[in-house]
Amino acid sequence: MVDMKLAQQKGFSFGNATKFMDFADPRAMIKDAATLDPNATVPAYMRTYANPRVIEVLTAERAYRKIAPEVKNGDFTTAFTQFRSIEFTGNTTPYGDYDGNGVSGVNTAFPVREQYRFQTTLKVGDLEQKMNAEAKIDLFAEKQKSAAINIDIAFNKYALYGVAGKAVYGLLNDPSLNAAITPIVVNSTHTVWADKTANQQMDDLNKLVASLYTQAAGHIDDSTKTKLLVSPATLAAMNKVNDYGVTMKKMVADTYPNMTIVVVPELYNSTLETSTMMLLADEILGQPTVEFGYADKYYAHEIVRDLSSWKQKVSAGTYGAIVQLPFAIGSMTGI
């Protein structure tokens, strides 16, 4: 059973609810369902029980959660969040008793991100609820789950693309990122992996790896844990085999054992029929390369009684992708 206090600490707010629904033993909820709140005439179970499936949806594996961790910043009232970015600088010189040359320092920056609050609503009619109850369907709980799914889809979108017009950026368009490099051209015009052999695909990946290692100035090497983000089309192309019967996937696993492949559908450009791939380090010297910030994962507002229905607003808050180490991210477009 999910712990209510822990859920609240993680950004889940269920209003006046004090316990979670137990779908394995619904007798207690059925008893409450027959009791009306005399002030609002809302079934007490709606105000007392929270749907644990909401948490399952909003913590399940989705593309952006496989890329980097989520971090809670503030709460519903927080307007902005500020995070710390540190770059290590300096050099050494030959030793001398009376020589004070050589210096080590840091460059610090404190980028600010804005909270973007978004919402959805769920409505349940009296007749609608009763008809579904006859079919043993808890309509209110199912609509809560639907709200959680829609919120999670939105979180994924904002994590990757941000929010236009606000200081909320996504991993795919953060202004601090370096420009994407281009793949190697084969047969005069071909760059898309569907038109390339497994070895030619590997050449493109090696080019991206070399570019990232160079811009990271030695902070990233083969021992660093990295994520390779690819589109479904790119992943399918990686199943090609070379003359020795070895797929691109197998070559990646053998050459870069610390590299994890993550599928991100948003990396495919349907207009150009090409894909982008990204390569990023999980962390450098204990500092994460990127985090996805949020204030509330699921904030359930008060249930409101209407003439013959109930309605409830559910909101959430995001800061998008918080890129702390832009130099630890590289990309290649046109594959």
Protein backbone atom coordinates (compact mmCIF):
# COMPACT_ATOMS: atom_id res chain seq x y z
CA MET A 1 0.00 0.00 0.00
CA VAL A 2 1.28 3.47 -0.89
CA ASP A 3 2.15 5.75 2.03
CA MET A 4 0.14 9.00 1.95
CA LYS A 5 2.83 11.16 3.59
CA LEU A 6 5.51 9.89 1.22
CA ALA A 7 3.22 10.57 -1.75
CA GLN A 8 2.74 14.16 -0.57
CA GLN A 9 6.50 14.63 -0.25
CA LYS A 10 6.89 13.46 -3.85
CA GLY A 11 4.41 16.03 -5.15
CA PHE A 12 1.07 14.19 -5.01
CA SER A 13 -1.73 16.12 -3.31
CA PHE A 14 -5.18 14.56 -2.97
CA GLY A 15 -6.99 17.30 -1.06
CA ASN A 16 -8.87 15.96 1.97
CA ALA A 17 -8.16 12.32 1.19
CA THR A 18 -6.63 10.41 4.10
CA LYS A 19 -6.19 6.94 2.63
CA PHE A 20 -5.81 5.11 -0.66
CA MET A 21 -8.42 2.99 -2.39
CA ASP A 22 -8.01 -0.73 -1.89
CA PHE A 23 -9.31 -2.28 -5.11
CA ALA A 24 -8.75 -5.74 -3.67
CA ASP A 25 -11.20 -5.05 -0.82
CA PRO A 26 -13.71 -2.39 -1.90
CA ARG A 27 -16.18 -3.03 0.94
CA ALA A 28 -15.03 -0.05 2.98
CA MET A 29 -15.38 2.24 -0.04
CA ILE A 30 -18.84 0.86 -0.83
CA LYS A 31 -19.91 1.65 2.71
CA ASP A 32 -18.61 5.19 2.39
CA ALA A 33 -20.20 5.58 -1.04
CA ALA A 34 -23.62 5.35 0.58
CA THR A 35 -22.83 8.24 2.90
CA LEU A 36 -23.28 11.80 1.64
CA ASP A 37 -21.42 14.81 2.94
CA PRO A 38 -24.27 17.00 4.27
CA ASN A 39 -22.47 20.19 3.21
CA ALA A 40 -21.70 19.36 -0.40
CA THR A 41 -23.71 16.17 -1.03
CA VAL A 42 -20.59 14.58 -2.46
CA PRO A 43 -20.11 10.87 -1.69
CA ALA A 44 -17.67 10.64 1.21
CA TYR A 45 -15.48 8.05 -0.49
CA MET A 46 -14.61 10.59 -3.18
CA ARG A 47 -13.28 12.93 -0.52
CA THR A 48 -11.70 10.25 1.69
CA TYR A 49 -9.98 7.87 -0.71
CA ALA A 50 -7.18 8.66 -3.18
CA ASN A 51 -6.58 6.53 -6.26
CA PRO A 52 -3.14 4.81 -6.01
CA ARG A 53 -3.21 4.17 -9.76
CA VAL A 54 -2.56 7.89 -10.23
CA ILE A 55 0.89 7.41 -8.67
CA GLU A 56 1.51 4.29 -10.76
CA VAL A 57 0.87 6.27 -13.94
CA LEU A 58 2.98 9.27 -12.96
CA THR A 59 5.98 7.20 -11.87
CA ALA A 60 5.90 4.55 -14.60
CA GLU A 61 8.66 4.50 -17.20
CA ARG A 62 8.11 7.11 -19.89
CA ALA A 63 10.75 8.32 -22.35
CA TYR A 64 11.93 11.35 -20.39
CA ARG A 65 12.14 9.48 -17.08
CA LYS A 66 14.53 6.98 -18.68
CA ILE A 67 16.83 9.83 -19.69
CA ALA A 68 17.40 11.64 -16.39
CA PRO A 69 15.96 11.87 -12.88
CA GLU A 70 13.02 14.02 -11.84
CA VAL A 71 13.58 16.54 -9.04
CA LYS A 72 10.93 18.32 -6.97
CA ASN A 73 11.47 22.08 -6.67
CA GLY A 74 9.15 24.08 -4.44
CA ASP A 75 5.39 23.63 -4.53
CA PHE A 76 2.24 24.99 -6.14
CA THR A 77 3.04 28.55 -5.00
CA THR A 78 6.64 28.64 -6.28
CA ALA A 79 7.01 30.97 -9.29
CA PHE A 80 10.68 30.38 -10.18
CA THR A 81 13.47 27.98 -9.31
CA GLN A 82 17.18 28.70 -9.48
CA PHE A 83 19.81 26.02 -9.85
CA ARG A 84 23.58 25.99 -9.65
CA SER A 85 25.91 25.19 -12.52
CA ILE A 86 29.64 24.85 -11.86
CA GLU A 87 32.49 24.67 -14.37
CA PHE A 88 35.96 23.77 -13.07
CA THR A 89 38.83 25.87 -14.42
CA GLY A 90 42.57 26.27 -13.89
CA ASN A 91 46.02 25.01 -14.81
CA THR A 92 49.25 23.79 -13.26
CA THR A 93 52.87 24.94 -13.69
CA PRO A 94 56.27 23.48 -12.76
CA TYR A 95 57.01 23.65 -9.02
CA GLY A 96 59.23 26.40 -7.60
CA ASP A 97 59.88 27.40 -3.98
CA TYR A 98 59.18 31.05 -4.70
CA ASP A 99 56.79 30.57 -7.57
CA GLY A 100 53.05 31.20 -7.12
CA ASN A 101 51.95 30.37 -10.63
CA GLY A 102 49.15 27.96 -11.47
CA VAL A 103 45.60 28.50 -10.30
CA SER A 104 42.47 26.44 -9.81
CA GLY A 105 39.02 27.96 -9.79
CA VAL A 106 35.43 27.59 -10.80
CA ASN A 107 32.96 29.42 -13.00
CA THR A 108 29.53 29.49 -11.43
CA ALA A 109 26.19 30.29 -12.97
CA PHE A 110 22.70 30.35 -11.48
CA PRO A 111 20.16 29.90 -14.29
CA VAL A 112 16.52 30.52 -13.44
CA ARG A 113 13.57 28.47 -14.61
CA GLU A 114 9.92 29.45 -14.42
CA GLN A 115 7.18 27.16 -13.17
CA TYR A 116 4.51 26.38 -15.75
CA ARG A 117 1.27 25.23 -14.18
CA PHE A 118 -1.19 23.24 -16.27
CA GLN A 119 -4.51 21.56 -15.60
CA THR A 120 -7.25 19.20 -16.68
CA THR A 121 -10.71 18.55 -15.31
CA LEU A 122 -12.84 15.49 -14.74
CA LYS A 123 -16.61 15.44 -14.54
CA VAL A 124 -18.98 12.70 -13.36
CA GLY A 125 -22.76 12.81 -13.84
CA ASP A 126 -25.16 11.24 -11.36
CA LEU A 127 -26.77 8.96 -13.96
CA GLU A 128 -23.42 8.25 -15.59
CA GLN A 129 -21.97 7.16 -12.24
CA LYS A 130 -24.93 4.91 -11.39
CA MET A 131 -24.97 3.22 -14.80
CA ASN A 132 -21.25 2.44 -14.60
CA ALA A 133 -21.66 1.21 -11.03
CA GLU A 134 -24.11 -1.39 -12.34
CA ALA A 135 -21.25 -2.67 -14.53
CA LYS A 136 -18.90 -2.71 -11.50
CA ILE A 137 -16.91 0.25 -12.85
CA ASP A 138 -15.72 2.94 -10.46
CA LEU A 139 -16.10 5.79 -12.93
CA PHE A 140 -14.61 8.44 -10.67
CA ALA A 141 -11.45 6.37 -10.11
CA GLU A 142 -11.13 5.66 -13.84
CA LYS A 143 -11.41 9.34 -14.70
CA GLN A 144 -8.76 10.14 -12.09
CA LYS A 145 -6.49 7.68 -13.85
CA SER A 146 -7.32 9.32 -17.19
CA ALA A 147 -6.37 12.70 -15.73
CA ALA A 148 -3.06 11.26 -14.53
CA ILE A 149 -2.33 9.84 -18.01
CA ASN A 150 -3.03 13.21 -19.66
CA ILE A 151 -0.85 15.01 -17.12
CA ASP A 152 1.97 12.52 -17.68
CA ILE A 153 1.79 13.00 -21.45
CA ALA A 154 2.07 16.74 -20.85
CA PHE A 155 5.07 16.27 -18.51
CA ASN A 156 6.81 14.28 -21.25
CA LYS A 157 6.10 17.02 -23.80
CA TYR A 158 7.36 19.85 -21.59
CA ALA A 159 10.45 17.86 -20.56
CA LEU A 160 11.47 17.54 -24.20
CA TYR A 161 10.16 20.76 -25.76
CA GLY A 162 9.59 23.19 -22.89
CA VAL A 163 6.89 25.87 -23.05
CA ALA A 164 6.94 28.60 -25.70
CA GLY A 165 7.11 32.13 -24.33
CA LYS A 166 8.30 31.09 -20.87
CA ALA A 167 11.65 30.35 -19.23
CA VAL A 168 10.82 26.66 -19.49
CA TYR A 169 13.06 24.75 -21.91
CA GLY A 170 13.11 21.16 -23.08
CA LEU A 171 16.02 18.80 -23.55
CA LEU A 172 15.61 19.01 -27.33
CA ASN A 173 15.63 22.82 -27.57
CA ASP A 174 17.48 24.21 -24.57
CA PRO A 175 19.35 27.33 -25.80
CA SER A 176 22.51 26.41 -23.91
CA LEU A 177 23.10 23.25 -25.98
CA ASN A 178 25.79 23.07 -28.64
CA ALA A 179 24.70 22.92 -32.27
CA ALA A 180 24.07 19.46 -33.69
CA ILE A 181 26.68 17.94 -35.97
CA THR A 182 25.90 16.23 -39.28
CA PRO A 183 26.33 12.56 -40.20
CA ILE A 184 28.82 11.24 -42.74
CA VAL A 185 27.55 11.33 -46.33
CA VAL A 186 27.78 8.04 -48.24
CA ASN A 187 27.12 7.35 -51.92
CA SER A 188 27.20 11.12 -52.57
CA THR A 189 23.84 11.94 -50.93
CA HIS A 190 22.82 9.40 -48.28
CA THR A 191 22.88 10.26 -44.56
CA VAL A 192 19.78 8.44 -43.25
CA TRP A 193 20.59 5.23 -41.39
CA ALA A 194 17.99 3.28 -43.32
CA ASP A 195 20.25 3.75 -46.35
CA LYS A 196 23.48 2.90 -44.54
CA THR A 197 25.20 -0.33 -43.60
CA ALA A 198 25.77 -1.28 -39.98
CA ASN A 199 29.43 -0.26 -40.24
CA GLN A 200 28.50 3.12 -41.73
CA GLN A 201 26.03 3.67 -38.90
CA MET A 202 28.79 2.89 -36.43
CA ASP A 203 31.01 5.46 -38.15
CA ASP A 204 28.35 8.11 -37.48
CA LEU A 205 28.11 7.13 -33.83
CA ASN A 206 31.88 7.21 -33.45
CA LYS A 207 31.86 10.72 -34.93
CA LEU A 208 29.29 11.85 -32.36
CA VAL A 209 31.24 10.21 -29.53
CA ALA A 210 34.47 11.92 -30.62
CA SER A 211 32.68 15.26 -30.80
CA LEU A 212 31.25 14.88 -27.29
CA TYR A 213 34.57 13.71 -25.80
CA THR A 214 36.32 16.70 -27.37
CA GLN A 215 33.88 19.33 -26.16
CA ALA A 216 33.92 17.78 -22.68
CA ALA A 217 37.70 18.36 -22.51
CA GLY A 218 38.50 15.03 -20.91
CA HIS A 219 35.57 14.88 -18.47
CA ILE A 220 33.89 12.15 -20.54
CA ASP A 221 35.47 8.94 -21.79
CA ASP A 222 34.55 5.30 -22.36
CA SER A 223 34.24 4.71 -18.60
CA THR A 224 31.55 7.39 -18.24
CA LYS A 225 27.94 6.21 -18.06
CA THR A 226 26.09 7.71 -21.01
CA LYS A 227 22.67 7.60 -22.65
CA LEU A 228 22.21 7.34 -26.42
CA LEU A 229 18.80 8.74 -27.36
CA VAL A 230 17.38 7.49 -30.66
CA SER A 231 14.06 7.47 -32.50
CA PRO A 232 12.13 4.24 -33.15
CA ALA A 233 13.19 4.47 -36.81
CA THR A 234 16.84 4.72 -35.82
CA LEU A 235 16.51 1.80 -33.43
CA ALA A 236 15.00 -0.33 -36.19
CA ALA A 237 17.86 0.60 -38.54
CA MET A 238 20.34 -0.54 -35.89
CA ASN A 239 19.18 -4.13 -36.45
CA LYS A 240 21.10 -4.29 -39.73
CA VAL A 241 24.01 -6.71 -39.73
CA ASN A 242 27.47 -6.27 -41.20
CA ASP A 243 29.41 -8.79 -43.27
CA TYR A 244 30.16 -10.77 -40.11
CA GLY A 245 26.52 -11.00 -39.03
CA VAL A 246 26.92 -8.44 -36.23
CA THR A 247 24.20 -5.83 -35.73
CA MET A 248 24.82 -2.17 -34.98
CA LYS A 249 23.27 -2.73 -31.52
CA LYS A 250 25.81 -5.46 -30.79
CA MET A 251 28.67 -3.25 -31.91
CA VAL A 252 27.47 -0.47 -29.61
CA ALA A 253 27.24 -2.86 -26.65
CA ASP A 254 30.73 -4.24 -27.32
CA THR A 255 32.42 -0.90 -28.04
CA TYR A 256 30.66 1.24 -25.46
CA PRO A 257 29.55 -1.03 -22.59
CA ASN A 258 28.61 1.97 -20.42
CA MET A 259 26.25 3.38 -23.06
CA THR A 260 22.51 2.78 -22.64
CA ILE A 261 20.13 3.16 -25.58
CA VAL A 262 16.88 5.03 -24.85
CA VAL A 263 14.10 5.30 -27.42
CA VAL A 264 12.58 8.79 -27.74
CA PRO A 265 9.86 8.98 -30.44
CA GLU A 266 10.11 12.79 -30.55
CA LEU A 267 13.55 12.53 -32.17
CA TYR A 268 11.94 11.58 -35.50
CA ASN A 269 11.12 14.40 -37.92
CA SER A 270 8.16 13.18 -39.99
CA THR A 271 8.41 16.16 -42.35
CA LEU A 272 12.04 15.53 -43.33
CA GLU A 273 11.78 11.76 -42.70
CA THR A 274 15.04 11.90 -40.77
CA SER A 275 16.01 11.47 -37.14
CA THR A 276 18.24 13.10 -34.56
CA MET A 277 20.27 11.20 -32.00
CA MET A 278 21.59 12.62 -28.76
CA LEU A 279 24.40 11.44 -26.52
CA LEU A 280 24.74 12.65 -22.96
CA ALA A 281 26.66 11.75 -19.83
CA ASP A 282 24.60 10.80 -16.79
CA GLU A 283 26.78 12.97 -14.54
CA ILE A 284 30.18 14.58 -14.25
CA LEU A 285 32.00 14.54 -10.90
CA GLY A 286 28.74 13.84 -9.11
CA GLN A 287 26.79 16.64 -10.81
CA PRO A 288 23.90 15.48 -13.02
CA THR A 289 24.00 16.61 -16.64
CA VAL A 290 20.27 17.25 -16.73
CA GLU A 291 17.29 16.93 -14.41
CA PHE A 292 13.59 17.32 -15.03
CA GLY A 293 12.09 19.71 -12.51
CA TYR A 294 8.56 19.74 -11.18
CA ALA A 295 6.62 21.37 -8.36
CA ASP A 296 3.56 19.12 -8.19
CA LYS A 297 3.01 15.86 -10.02
CA TYR A 298 -0.71 15.69 -9.29
CA TYR A 299 -2.59 18.35 -7.34
CA ALA A 300 -6.24 17.42 -6.80
CA HIS A 301 -8.41 20.45 -6.10
CA GLU A 302 -11.69 20.37 -4.21
CA ILE A 303 -14.55 18.30 -5.62
CA VAL A 304 -17.39 20.62 -6.62
CA ARG A 305 -21.05 19.57 -6.59
CA ASP A 306 -23.26 20.78 -9.44
CA LEU A 307 -26.98 20.23 -10.02
CA SER A 308 -26.64 16.58 -10.97
CA SER A 309 -22.93 15.99 -11.33
CA TRP A 310 -19.53 16.42 -9.69
CA LYS A 311 -16.42 17.97 -11.13
CA GLN A 312 -12.81 18.29 -10.03
CA LYS A 313 -9.79 20.15 -11.35
CA VAL A 314 -6.38 18.47 -11.31
CA SER A 315 -3.23 20.52 -11.86
CA ALA A 316 0.53 20.04 -11.98
CA GLY A 317 3.62 22.21 -12.31
CA THR A 318 6.82 21.76 -14.35
CA TYR A 319 10.12 23.56 -14.91
CA GLY A 320 10.95 21.51 -18.00
CA ALA A 321 14.50 20.23 -18.48
CA ILE A 322 17.12 21.78 -16.22
CA VAL A 323 20.35 21.37 -18.18
CA GLN A 324 23.23 21.84 -15.75
CA LEU A 325 26.12 20.65 -17.93
CA PRO A 326 25.51 21.63 -21.58
CA PHE A 327 28.99 20.48 -22.61
CA ALA A 328 28.06 16.93 -21.60
CA ILE A 329 25.37 16.70 -24.30
CA GLY A 330 25.95 16.21 -28.01
CA SER A 331 23.63 15.56 -30.92
CA MET A 332 23.64 14.58 -34.59
CA THR A 333 20.79 15.37 -36.92
CA GLY A 334 19.86 13.95 -40.33
CA ILE A 335 20.35 10.25 -39.71
